[in-house]
ModelCIF file with pLDDT and N, C-alpha, C, O atoms, coordinates in Angstrom:
data_MODEL
#
_entry.id   MODEL 
#
_entity.id                         1 
_entity.type                       polymer 
_entity.pdbx_number_of_molecules   1 
#
_entity_poly.entity_id                      1 
_entity_poly.type                           'polypeptide(L)' 
_entity_poly.nstd_linkage                   no 
_entity_poly.nstd_monomer                   no 
_entity_poly.pdbx_seq_one_letter_code       PKFSNTKEKAVISAMKSDLRNYASSQESYYADYTTYGDLTGNTAYFR 
_entity_poly.pdbx_seq_one_letter_code_can   PKFSNTKEKAVISAMKSDLRNYASSQESYYADYTTYGDLTGNTAYFR 
_entity_poly.pdbx_strand_id                 A 
#
loop_
_entity_poly_seq.entity_id 
_entity_poly_seq.num 
_entity_poly_seq.mon_id 
_entity_poly_seq.hetero 
1 1  PRO n 
1 2  LYS n 
1 3  PHE n 
1 4  SER n 
1 5  ASN n 
1 6  THR n 
1 7  LYS n 
1 8  GLU n 
1 9  LYS n 
1 10 ALA n 
1 11 VAL n 
1 12 ILE n 
1 13 SER n 
1 14 ALA n 
1 15 MET n 
1 16 LYS n 
1 17 SER n 
1 18 ASP n 
1 19 LEU n 
1 20 ARG n 
1 21 ASN n 
1 22 TYR n 
1 23 ALA n 
1 24 SER n 
1 25 SER n 
1 26 GLN n 
1 27 GLU n 
1 28 SER n 
1 29 TYR n 
1 30 TYR n 
1 31 ALA n 
1 32 ASP n 
1 33 TYR n 
1 34 THR n 
1 35 THR n 
1 36 TYR n 
1 37 GLY n 
1 38 ASP n 
1 39 LEU n 
1 40 THR n 
1 41 GLY n 
1 42 ASN n 
1 43 THR n 
1 44 ALA n 
1 45 TYR n 
1 46 PHE n 
1 47 ARG n 
#
_struct_asym.id          A 
_struct_asym.entity_id   1 
#
loop_
_ma_qa_metric.id 
_ma_qa_metric.mode 
_ma_qa_metric.name 
_ma_qa_metric.software_group_id 
_ma_qa_metric.type 
1 global pLDDT . pLDDT 
2 local  pLDDT . pLDDT 
#
_ma_qa_metric_global.metric_id      1 
_ma_qa_metric_global.metric_value   87.70 
_ma_qa_metric_global.model_id       1 
_ma_qa_metric_global.ordinal_id     1 
#
loop_
_ma_qa_metric_local.label_asym_id 
_ma_qa_metric_local.label_comp_id 
_ma_qa_metric_local.label_seq_id 
_ma_qa_metric_local.metric_id 
_ma_qa_metric_local.metric_value 
_ma_qa_metric_local.model_id 
_ma_qa_metric_local.ordinal_id 
A PRO 1  2 82.00 1 1  
A LYS 2  2 80.00 1 2  
A PHE 3  2 80.00 1 3  
A SER 4  2 76.00 1 4  
A ASN 5  2 78.00 1 5  
A THR 6  2 85.00 1 6  
A LYS 7  2 84.00 1 7  
A GLU 8  2 86.00 1 8  
A LYS 9  2 89.00 1 9  
A ALA 10 2 90.00 1 10 
A VAL 11 2 91.00 1 11 
A ILE 12 2 93.00 1 12 
A SER 13 2 94.00 1 13 
A ALA 14 2 94.00 1 14 
A MET 15 2 94.00 1 15 
A LYS 16 2 94.00 1 16 
A SER 17 2 95.00 1 17 
A ASP 18 2 94.00 1 18 
A LEU 19 2 93.00 1 19 
A ARG 20 2 93.00 1 20 
A ASN 21 2 93.00 1 21 
A TYR 22 2 92.00 1 22 
A ALA 23 2 91.00 1 23 
A SER 24 2 91.00 1 24 
A SER 25 2 91.00 1 25 
A GLN 26 2 90.00 1 26 
A GLU 27 2 88.00 1 27 
A SER 28 2 90.00 1 28 
A TYR 29 2 89.00 1 29 
A TYR 30 2 89.00 1 30 
A ALA 31 2 91.00 1 31 
A ASP 32 2 90.00 1 32 
A TYR 33 2 90.00 1 33 
A THR 34 2 89.00 1 34 
A THR 35 2 87.00 1 35 
A TYR 36 2 87.00 1 36 
A GLY 37 2 86.00 1 37 
A ASP 38 2 84.00 1 38 
A LEU 39 2 85.00 1 39 
A THR 40 2 77.00 1 40 
A GLY 41 2 77.00 1 41 
A ASN 42 2 80.00 1 42 
A THR 43 2 82.00 1 43 
A ALA 44 2 84.00 1 44 
A TYR 45 2 86.00 1 45 
A PHE 46 2 89.00 1 46 
A ARG 47 2 89.00 1 47 
#
loop_
_atom_site.group_PDB 
_atom_site.id 
_atom_site.type_symbol 
_atom_site.label_atom_id 
_atom_site.label_alt_id 
_atom_site.label_comp_id 
_atom_site.label_asym_id 
_atom_site.label_entity_id 
_atom_site.label_seq_id 
_atom_site.pdbx_PDB_ins_code 
_atom_site.Cartn_x 
_atom_site.Cartn_y 
_atom_site.Cartn_z 
_atom_site.occupancy 
_atom_site.B_iso_or_equiv 
_atom_site.pdbx_formal_charge 
_atom_site.auth_seq_id 
_atom_site.auth_comp_id 
_atom_site.auth_asym_id 
_atom_site.auth_atom_id 
_atom_site.pdbx_PDB_model_num 
ATOM 1   N N  . PRO A 1 1  ? 0.806  -1.230 0.000   1.00 82.00 ? 1  PRO A N  1 
ATOM 2   C CA . PRO A 1 1  ? 0.000  0.000  0.000   1.00 82.00 ? 1  PRO A CA 1 
ATOM 3   C C  . PRO A 1 1  ? 0.837  1.278  0.000   1.00 82.00 ? 1  PRO A C  1 
ATOM 4   O O  . PRO A 1 1  ? 0.424  2.289  -0.567  1.00 82.00 ? 1  PRO A O  1 
ATOM 5   N N  . LYS A 1 2  ? 2.000  1.238  0.627   1.00 80.00 ? 2  LYS A N  1 
ATOM 6   C CA . LYS A 1 2  ? 2.871  2.416  0.634   1.00 80.00 ? 2  LYS A CA 1 
ATOM 7   C C  . LYS A 1 2  ? 3.363  2.750  -0.775  1.00 80.00 ? 2  LYS A C  1 
ATOM 8   O O  . LYS A 1 2  ? 3.428  3.923  -1.144  1.00 80.00 ? 2  LYS A O  1 
ATOM 9   N N  . PHE A 1 3  ? 3.705  1.740  -1.558  1.00 80.00 ? 3  PHE A N  1 
ATOM 10  C CA . PHE A 1 3  ? 4.202  1.968  -2.911  1.00 80.00 ? 3  PHE A CA 1 
ATOM 11  C C  . PHE A 1 3  ? 3.099  2.400  -3.869  1.00 80.00 ? 3  PHE A C  1 
ATOM 12  O O  . PHE A 1 3  ? 3.358  3.188  -4.778  1.00 80.00 ? 3  PHE A O  1 
ATOM 13  N N  . SER A 1 4  ? 1.882  1.910  -3.691  1.00 76.00 ? 4  SER A N  1 
ATOM 14  C CA . SER A 1 4  ? 0.798  2.304  -4.586  1.00 76.00 ? 4  SER A CA 1 
ATOM 15  C C  . SER A 1 4  ? 0.431  3.762  -4.395  1.00 76.00 ? 4  SER A C  1 
ATOM 16  O O  . SER A 1 4  ? 0.049  4.427  -5.358  1.00 76.00 ? 4  SER A O  1 
ATOM 17  N N  . ASN A 1 5  ? 0.535  4.278  -3.178  1.00 78.00 ? 5  ASN A N  1 
ATOM 18  C CA . ASN A 1 5  ? 0.252  5.684  -2.915  1.00 78.00 ? 5  ASN A CA 1 
ATOM 19  C C  . ASN A 1 5  ? 1.351  6.576  -3.493  1.00 78.00 ? 5  ASN A C  1 
ATOM 20  O O  . ASN A 1 5  ? 1.083  7.718  -3.866  1.00 78.00 ? 5  ASN A O  1 
ATOM 21  N N  . THR A 1 6  ? 2.564  6.077  -3.569  1.00 85.00 ? 6  THR A N  1 
ATOM 22  C CA . THR A 1 6  ? 3.684  6.854  -4.093  1.00 85.00 ? 6  THR A CA 1 
ATOM 23  C C  . THR A 1 6  ? 3.492  7.184  -5.571  1.00 85.00 ? 6  THR A C  1 
ATOM 24  O O  . THR A 1 6  ? 3.857  8.275  -6.010  1.00 85.00 ? 6  THR A O  1 
ATOM 25  N N  . LYS A 1 7  ? 2.935  6.276  -6.329  1.00 84.00 ? 7  LYS A N  1 
ATOM 26  C CA . LYS A 1 7  ? 2.735  6.523  -7.758  1.00 84.00 ? 7  LYS A CA 1 
ATOM 27  C C  . LYS A 1 7  ? 1.764  7.676  -7.981  1.00 84.00 ? 7  LYS A C  1 
ATOM 28  O O  . LYS A 1 7  ? 2.003  8.524  -8.841  1.00 84.00 ? 7  LYS A O  1 
ATOM 29  N N  . GLU A 1 8  ? 0.671  7.720  -7.220  1.00 86.00 ? 8  GLU A N  1 
ATOM 30  C CA . GLU A 1 8  ? -0.289 8.813  -7.384  1.00 86.00 ? 8  GLU A CA 1 
ATOM 31  C C  . GLU A 1 8  ? 0.330  10.154 -6.986  1.00 86.00 ? 8  GLU A C  1 
ATOM 32  O O  . GLU A 1 8  ? 0.060  11.172 -7.623  1.00 86.00 ? 8  GLU A O  1 
ATOM 33  N N  . LYS A 1 9  ? 1.145  10.162 -5.956  1.00 89.00 ? 9  LYS A N  1 
ATOM 34  C CA . LYS A 1 9  ? 1.822  11.402 -5.557  1.00 89.00 ? 9  LYS A CA 1 
ATOM 35  C C  . LYS A 1 9  ? 2.751  11.890 -6.664  1.00 89.00 ? 9  LYS A C  1 
ATOM 36  O O  . LYS A 1 9  ? 2.855  13.092 -6.904  1.00 89.00 ? 9  LYS A O  1 
ATOM 37  N N  . ALA A 1 10 ? 3.420  10.971 -7.331  1.00 90.00 ? 10 ALA A N  1 
ATOM 38  C CA . ALA A 1 10 ? 4.317  11.349 -8.423  1.00 90.00 ? 10 ALA A CA 1 
ATOM 39  C C  . ALA A 1 10 ? 3.546  11.942 -9.597  1.00 90.00 ? 10 ALA A C  1 
ATOM 40  O O  . ALA A 1 10 ? 4.005  12.899 -10.220 1.00 90.00 ? 10 ALA A O  1 
ATOM 41  N N  . VAL A 1 11 ? 2.375  11.376 -9.902  1.00 91.00 ? 11 VAL A N  1 
ATOM 42  C CA . VAL A 1 11 ? 1.546  11.895 -10.992 1.00 91.00 ? 11 VAL A CA 1 
ATOM 43  C C  . VAL A 1 11 ? 1.061  13.304 -10.655 1.00 91.00 ? 11 VAL A C  1 
ATOM 44  O O  . VAL A 1 11 ? 1.067  14.180 -11.520 1.00 91.00 ? 11 VAL A O  1 
ATOM 45  N N  . ILE A 1 12 ? 0.647  13.529 -9.422  1.00 93.00 ? 12 ILE A N  1 
ATOM 46  C CA . ILE A 1 12 ? 0.170  14.849 -9.008  1.00 93.00 ? 12 ILE A CA 1 
ATOM 47  C C  . ILE A 1 12 ? 1.308  15.864 -9.045  1.00 93.00 ? 12 ILE A C  1 
ATOM 48  O O  . ILE A 1 12 ? 1.102  17.011 -9.443  1.00 93.00 ? 12 ILE A O  1 
ATOM 49  N N  . SER A 1 13 ? 2.502  15.454 -8.634  1.00 94.00 ? 13 SER A N  1 
ATOM 50  C CA . SER A 1 13 ? 3.662  16.347 -8.705  1.00 94.00 ? 13 SER A CA 1 
ATOM 51  C C  . SER A 1 13 ? 3.985  16.731 -10.147 1.00 94.00 ? 13 SER A C  1 
ATOM 52  O O  . SER A 1 13 ? 4.357  17.872 -10.421 1.00 94.00 ? 13 SER A O  1 
ATOM 53  N N  . ALA A 1 14 ? 3.845  15.784 -11.060 1.00 94.00 ? 14 ALA A N  1 
ATOM 54  C CA . ALA A 1 14 ? 4.086  16.078 -12.478 1.00 94.00 ? 14 ALA A CA 1 
ATOM 55  C C  . ALA A 1 14 ? 3.040  17.049 -13.017 1.00 94.00 ? 14 ALA A C  1 
ATOM 56  O O  . ALA A 1 14 ? 3.366  17.929 -13.814 1.00 94.00 ? 14 ALA A O  1 
ATOM 57  N N  . MET A 1 15 ? 1.782  16.899 -12.590 1.00 94.00 ? 15 MET A N  1 
ATOM 58  C CA . MET A 1 15 ? 0.735  17.821 -13.040 1.00 94.00 ? 15 MET A CA 1 
ATOM 59  C C  . MET A 1 15 ? 1.003  19.234 -12.515 1.00 94.00 ? 15 MET A C  1 
ATOM 60  O O  . MET A 1 15 ? 0.829  20.206 -13.250 1.00 94.00 ? 15 MET A O  1 
ATOM 61  N N  . LYS A 1 16 ? 1.426  19.356 -11.255 1.00 94.00 ? 16 LYS A N  1 
ATOM 62  C CA . LYS A 1 16 ? 1.752  20.671 -10.697 1.00 94.00 ? 16 LYS A CA 1 
ATOM 63  C C  . LYS A 1 16 ? 2.949  21.288 -11.415 1.00 94.00 ? 16 LYS A C  1 
ATOM 64  O O  . LYS A 1 16 ? 2.970  22.489 -11.686 1.00 94.00 ? 16 LYS A O  1 
ATOM 65  N N  . SER A 1 17 ? 3.938  20.461 -11.720 1.00 95.00 ? 17 SER A N  1 
ATOM 66  C CA . SER A 1 17 ? 5.109  20.943 -12.442 1.00 95.00 ? 17 SER A CA 1 
ATOM 67  C C  . SER A 1 17 ? 4.730  21.454 -13.831 1.00 95.00 ? 17 SER A C  1 
ATOM 68  O O  . SER A 1 17 ? 5.244  22.478 -14.281 1.00 95.00 ? 17 SER A O  1 
ATOM 69  N N  . ASP A 1 18 ? 3.834  20.741 -14.507 1.00 94.00 ? 18 ASP A N  1 
ATOM 70  C CA . ASP A 1 18 ? 3.372  21.194 -15.822 1.00 94.00 ? 18 ASP A CA 1 
ATOM 71  C C  . ASP A 1 18 ? 2.675  22.543 -15.716 1.00 94.00 ? 18 ASP A C  1 
ATOM 72  O O  . ASP A 1 18 ? 2.853  23.399 -16.582 1.00 94.00 ? 18 ASP A O  1 
ATOM 73  N N  . LEU A 1 19 ? 1.890  22.741 -14.674 1.00 93.00 ? 19 LEU A N  1 
ATOM 74  C CA . LEU A 1 19 ? 1.205  24.029 -14.518 1.00 93.00 ? 19 LEU A CA 1 
ATOM 75  C C  . LEU A 1 19 ? 2.193  25.160 -14.236 1.00 93.00 ? 19 LEU A C  1 
ATOM 76  O O  . LEU A 1 19 ? 2.004  26.279 -14.714 1.00 93.00 ? 19 LEU A O  1 
ATOM 77  N N  . ARG A 1 20 ? 3.234  24.882 -13.472 1.00 93.00 ? 20 ARG A N  1 
ATOM 78  C CA . ARG A 1 20 ? 4.263  25.907 -13.241 1.00 93.00 ? 20 ARG A CA 1 
ATOM 79  C C  . ARG A 1 20 ? 4.990  26.236 -14.544 1.00 93.00 ? 20 ARG A C  1 
ATOM 80  O O  . ARG A 1 20 ? 5.285  27.399 -14.819 1.00 93.00 ? 20 ARG A O  1 
ATOM 81  N N  . ASN A 1 21 ? 5.274  25.212 -15.339 1.00 93.00 ? 21 ASN A N  1 
ATOM 82  C CA . ASN A 1 21 ? 5.910  25.443 -16.644 1.00 93.00 ? 21 ASN A CA 1 
ATOM 83  C C  . ASN A 1 21 ? 4.968  26.208 -17.572 1.00 93.00 ? 21 ASN A C  1 
ATOM 84  O O  . ASN A 1 21 ? 5.410  27.048 -18.355 1.00 93.00 ? 21 ASN A O  1 
ATOM 85  N N  . TYR A 1 22 ? 3.670  25.914 -17.482 1.00 92.00 ? 22 TYR A N  1 
ATOM 86  C CA . TYR A 1 22 ? 2.690  26.636 -18.288 1.00 92.00 ? 22 TYR A CA 1 
ATOM 87  C C  . TYR A 1 22 ? 2.667  28.117 -17.890 1.00 92.00 ? 22 TYR A C  1 
ATOM 88  O O  . TYR A 1 22 ? 2.534  28.992 -18.745 1.00 92.00 ? 22 TYR A O  1 
ATOM 89  N N  . ALA A 1 23 ? 2.798  28.388 -16.585 1.00 91.00 ? 23 ALA A N  1 
ATOM 90  C CA . ALA A 1 23 ? 2.838  29.775 -16.119 1.00 91.00 ? 23 ALA A CA 1 
ATOM 91  C C  . ALA A 1 23 ? 4.059  30.497 -16.695 1.00 91.00 ? 23 ALA A C  1 
ATOM 92  O O  . ALA A 1 23 ? 3.957  31.649 -17.117 1.00 91.00 ? 23 ALA A O  1 
ATOM 93  N N  . SER A 1 24 ? 5.202  29.827 -16.710 1.00 91.00 ? 24 SER A N  1 
ATOM 94  C CA . SER A 1 24 ? 6.407  30.428 -17.298 1.00 91.00 ? 24 SER A CA 1 
ATOM 95  C C  . SER A 1 24 ? 6.215  30.677 -18.794 1.00 91.00 ? 24 SER A C  1 
ATOM 96  O O  . SER A 1 24 ? 6.668  31.688 -19.330 1.00 91.00 ? 24 SER A O  1 
ATOM 97  N N  . SER A 1 25 ? 5.539  29.742 -19.454 1.00 91.00 ? 25 SER A N  1 
ATOM 98  C CA . SER A 1 25 ? 5.272  29.907 -20.885 1.00 91.00 ? 25 SER A CA 1 
ATOM 99  C C  . SER A 1 25 ? 4.342  31.080 -21.137 1.00 91.00 ? 25 SER A C  1 
ATOM 100 O O  . SER A 1 25 ? 4.520  31.825 -22.101 1.00 91.00 ? 25 SER A O  1 
ATOM 101 N N  . GLN A 1 26 ? 3.349  31.246 -20.272 1.00 90.00 ? 26 GLN A N  1 
ATOM 102 C CA . GLN A 1 26 ? 2.434  32.380 -20.424 1.00 90.00 ? 26 GLN A CA 1 
ATOM 103 C C  . GLN A 1 26 ? 3.185  33.700 -20.262 1.00 90.00 ? 26 GLN A C  1 
ATOM 104 O O  . GLN A 1 26 ? 2.941  34.652 -21.003 1.00 90.00 ? 26 GLN A O  1 
ATOM 105 N N  . GLU A 1 27 ? 4.095  33.754 -19.297 1.00 88.00 ? 27 GLU A N  1 
ATOM 106 C CA . GLU A 1 27 ? 4.862  34.986 -19.104 1.00 88.00 ? 27 GLU A CA 1 
ATOM 107 C C  . GLU A 1 27 ? 5.793  35.249 -20.288 1.00 88.00 ? 27 GLU A C  1 
ATOM 108 O O  . GLU A 1 27 ? 6.002  36.399 -20.672 1.00 88.00 ? 27 GLU A O  1 
ATOM 109 N N  . SER A 1 28 ? 6.346  34.190 -20.860 1.00 90.00 ? 28 SER A N  1 
ATOM 110 C CA . SER A 1 28 ? 7.173  34.351 -22.057 1.00 90.00 ? 28 SER A CA 1 
ATOM 111 C C  . SER A 1 28 ? 6.337  34.848 -23.233 1.00 90.00 ? 28 SER A C  1 
ATOM 112 O O  . SER A 1 28 ? 6.763  35.718 -23.993 1.00 90.00 ? 28 SER A O  1 
ATOM 113 N N  . TYR A 1 29 ? 5.133  34.276 -23.369 1.00 89.00 ? 29 TYR A N  1 
ATOM 114 C CA . TYR A 1 29 ? 4.217  34.711 -24.425 1.00 89.00 ? 29 TYR A CA 1 
ATOM 115 C C  . TYR A 1 29 ? 3.825  36.167 -24.209 1.00 89.00 ? 29 TYR A C  1 
ATOM 116 O O  . TYR A 1 29 ? 3.754  36.943 -25.162 1.00 89.00 ? 29 TYR A O  1 
ATOM 117 N N  . TYR A 1 30 ? 3.569  36.536 -22.952 1.00 89.00 ? 30 TYR A N  1 
ATOM 118 C CA . TYR A 1 30 ? 3.182  37.914 -22.635 1.00 89.00 ? 30 TYR A CA 1 
ATOM 119 C C  . TYR A 1 30 ? 4.323  38.884 -22.959 1.00 89.00 ? 30 TYR A C  1 
ATOM 120 O O  . TYR A 1 30 ? 4.085  39.998 -23.426 1.00 89.00 ? 30 TYR A O  1 
ATOM 121 N N  . ALA A 1 31 ? 5.564  38.448 -22.705 1.00 91.00 ? 31 ALA A N  1 
ATOM 122 C CA . ALA A 1 31 ? 6.707  39.310 -23.019 1.00 91.00 ? 31 ALA A CA 1 
ATOM 123 C C  . ALA A 1 31 ? 6.831  39.545 -24.522 1.00 91.00 ? 31 ALA A C  1 
ATOM 124 O O  . ALA A 1 31 ? 7.283  40.610 -24.943 1.00 91.00 ? 31 ALA A O  1 
ATOM 125 N N  . ASP A 1 32 ? 6.435  38.566 -25.336 1.00 90.00 ? 32 ASP A N  1 
ATOM 126 C CA . ASP A 1 32 ? 6.520  38.711 -26.783 1.00 90.00 ? 32 ASP A CA 1 
ATOM 127 C C  . ASP A 1 32 ? 5.355  39.503 -27.371 1.00 90.00 ? 32 ASP A C  1 
ATOM 128 O O  . ASP A 1 32 ? 5.551  40.303 -28.286 1.00 90.00 ? 32 ASP A O  1 
ATOM 129 N N  . TYR A 1 33 ? 4.132  39.286 -26.846 1.00 90.00 ? 33 TYR A N  1 
ATOM 130 C CA . TYR A 1 33 ? 2.932  39.841 -27.481 1.00 90.00 ? 33 TYR A CA 1 
ATOM 131 C C  . TYR A 1 33 ? 2.139  40.792 -26.601 1.00 90.00 ? 33 TYR A C  1 
ATOM 132 O O  . TYR A 1 33 ? 1.096  41.286 -27.030 1.00 90.00 ? 33 TYR A O  1 
ATOM 133 N N  . THR A 1 34 ? 2.594  41.067 -25.385 1.00 89.00 ? 34 THR A N  1 
ATOM 134 C CA . THR A 1 34 ? 1.919  41.912 -24.402 1.00 89.00 ? 34 THR A CA 1 
ATOM 135 C C  . THR A 1 34 ? 0.450  41.528 -24.191 1.00 89.00 ? 34 THR A C  1 
ATOM 136 O O  . THR A 1 34 ? -0.401 42.394 -23.989 1.00 89.00 ? 34 THR A O  1 
ATOM 137 N N  . THR A 1 35 ? 0.169  40.263 -24.237 1.00 87.00 ? 35 THR A N  1 
ATOM 138 C CA . THR A 1 35 ? -1.153 39.720 -23.942 1.00 87.00 ? 35 THR A CA 1 
ATOM 139 C C  . THR A 1 35 ? -0.997 38.253 -23.578 1.00 87.00 ? 35 THR A C  1 
ATOM 140 O O  . THR A 1 35 ? -0.056 37.592 -24.019 1.00 87.00 ? 35 THR A O  1 
ATOM 141 N N  . TYR A 1 36 ? -1.921 37.747 -22.777 1.00 87.00 ? 36 TYR A N  1 
ATOM 142 C CA . TYR A 1 36 ? -1.924 36.310 -22.481 1.00 87.00 ? 36 TYR A CA 1 
ATOM 143 C C  . TYR A 1 36 ? -2.753 35.610 -23.543 1.00 87.00 ? 36 TYR A C  1 
ATOM 144 O O  . TYR A 1 36 ? -3.699 36.190 -24.076 1.00 87.00 ? 36 TYR A O  1 
ATOM 145 N N  . GLY A 1 37 ? -2.409 34.378 -23.851 1.00 86.00 ? 37 GLY A N  1 
ATOM 146 C CA . GLY A 1 37 ? -3.132 33.652 -24.888 1.00 86.00 ? 37 GLY A CA 1 
ATOM 147 C C  . GLY A 1 37 ? -3.342 32.199 -24.518 1.00 86.00 ? 37 GLY A C  1 
ATOM 148 O O  . GLY A 1 37 ? -2.851 31.727 -23.493 1.00 86.00 ? 37 GLY A O  1 
ATOM 149 N N  . ASP A 1 38 ? -4.076 31.497 -25.364 1.00 84.00 ? 38 ASP A N  1 
ATOM 150 C CA . ASP A 1 38 ? -4.317 30.071 -25.179 1.00 84.00 ? 38 ASP A CA 1 
ATOM 151 C C  . ASP A 1 38 ? -3.144 29.319 -25.780 1.00 84.00 ? 38 ASP A C  1 
ATOM 152 O O  . ASP A 1 38 ? -2.983 29.292 -27.001 1.00 84.00 ? 38 ASP A O  1 
ATOM 153 N N  . LEU A 1 39 ? -2.321 28.706 -24.933 1.00 85.00 ? 39 LEU A N  1 
ATOM 154 C CA . LEU A 1 39 ? -1.112 28.014 -25.391 1.00 85.00 ? 39 LEU A CA 1 
ATOM 155 C C  . LEU A 1 39 ? -1.309 26.513 -25.477 1.00 85.00 ? 39 LEU A C  1 
ATOM 156 O O  . LEU A 1 39 ? -0.328 25.774 -25.565 1.00 85.00 ? 39 LEU A O  1 
ATOM 157 N N  . THR A 1 40 ? -2.545 26.041 -25.453 1.00 77.00 ? 40 THR A N  1 
ATOM 158 C CA . THR A 1 40 ? -2.808 24.602 -25.404 1.00 77.00 ? 40 THR A CA 1 
ATOM 159 C C  . THR A 1 40 ? -2.140 23.860 -26.554 1.00 77.00 ? 40 THR A C  1 
ATOM 160 O O  . THR A 1 40 ? -1.499 22.837 -26.313 1.00 77.00 ? 40 THR A O  1 
ATOM 161 N N  . GLY A 1 41 ? -2.259 24.317 -27.760 1.00 77.00 ? 41 GLY A N  1 
ATOM 162 C CA . GLY A 1 41 ? -1.670 23.627 -28.901 1.00 77.00 ? 41 GLY A CA 1 
ATOM 163 C C  . GLY A 1 41 ? -0.401 24.267 -29.414 1.00 77.00 ? 41 GLY A C  1 
ATOM 164 O O  . GLY A 1 41 ? 0.150  23.816 -30.419 1.00 77.00 ? 41 GLY A O  1 
ATOM 165 N N  . ASN A 1 42 ? 0.079  25.304 -28.753 1.00 80.00 ? 42 ASN A N  1 
ATOM 166 C CA . ASN A 1 42 ? 1.237  26.055 -29.196 1.00 80.00 ? 42 ASN A CA 1 
ATOM 167 C C  . ASN A 1 42 ? 2.507  25.430 -28.624 1.00 80.00 ? 42 ASN A C  1 
ATOM 168 O O  . ASN A 1 42 ? 2.949  25.817 -27.542 1.00 80.00 ? 42 ASN A O  1 
ATOM 169 N N  . THR A 1 43 ? 3.098  24.472 -29.329 1.00 82.00 ? 43 THR A N  1 
ATOM 170 C CA . THR A 1 43 ? 4.269  23.767 -28.820 1.00 82.00 ? 43 THR A CA 1 
ATOM 171 C C  . THR A 1 43 ? 5.537  24.620 -28.848 1.00 82.00 ? 43 THR A C  1 
ATOM 172 O O  . THR A 1 43 ? 6.555  24.226 -28.278 1.00 82.00 ? 43 THR A O  1 
ATOM 173 N N  . ALA A 1 44 ? 5.490  25.769 -29.495 1.00 84.00 ? 44 ALA A N  1 
ATOM 174 C CA . ALA A 1 44 ? 6.646  26.653 -29.474 1.00 84.00 ? 44 ALA A CA 1 
ATOM 175 C C  . ALA A 1 44 ? 6.841  27.247 -28.079 1.00 84.00 ? 44 ALA A C  1 
ATOM 176 O O  . ALA A 1 44 ? 7.963  27.582 -27.698 1.00 84.00 ? 44 ALA A O  1 
ATOM 177 N N  . TYR A 1 45 ? 5.749  27.379 -27.315 1.00 86.00 ? 45 TYR A N  1 
ATOM 178 C CA . TYR A 1 45 ? 5.830  27.952 -25.977 1.00 86.00 ? 45 TYR A CA 1 
ATOM 179 C C  . TYR A 1 45 ? 5.682  26.910 -24.874 1.00 86.00 ? 45 TYR A C  1 
ATOM 180 O O  . TYR A 1 45 ? 6.320  27.032 -23.829 1.00 86.00 ? 45 TYR A O  1 
ATOM 181 N N  . PHE A 1 46 ? 4.852  25.885 -25.084 1.00 89.00 ? 46 PHE A N  1 
ATOM 182 C CA . PHE A 1 46 ? 4.603  24.931 -24.003 1.00 89.00 ? 46 PHE A CA 1 
ATOM 183 C C  . PHE A 1 46 ? 4.345  23.541 -24.553 1.00 89.00 ? 46 PHE A C  1 
ATOM 184 O O  . PHE A 1 46 ? 3.609  23.361 -25.523 1.00 89.00 ? 46 PHE A O  1 
ATOM 185 N N  . ARG A 1 47 ? 4.973  22.555 -23.907 1.00 89.00 ? 47 ARG A N  1 
ATOM 186 C CA . ARG A 1 47 ? 4.724  21.144 -24.202 1.00 89.00 ? 47 ARG A CA 1 
ATOM 187 C C  . ARG A 1 47 ? 4.692  20.411 -22.864 1.00 89.00 ? 47 ARG A C  1 
ATOM 188 O O  . ARG A 1 47 ? 4.496  19.196 -22.831 1.00 89.00 ? 47 ARG A O  1 
#
């Protein structure tokens, strides 16, 4: 049971990390275009 809980914690940590990276991508996009945008499919800024 200890190991099965560890996998879910790792997945949640990866999701939080992706959101932090998305925030950095939004700020990079804002620096280029002075507006926030939808970066969902824009692999130049976020993957």
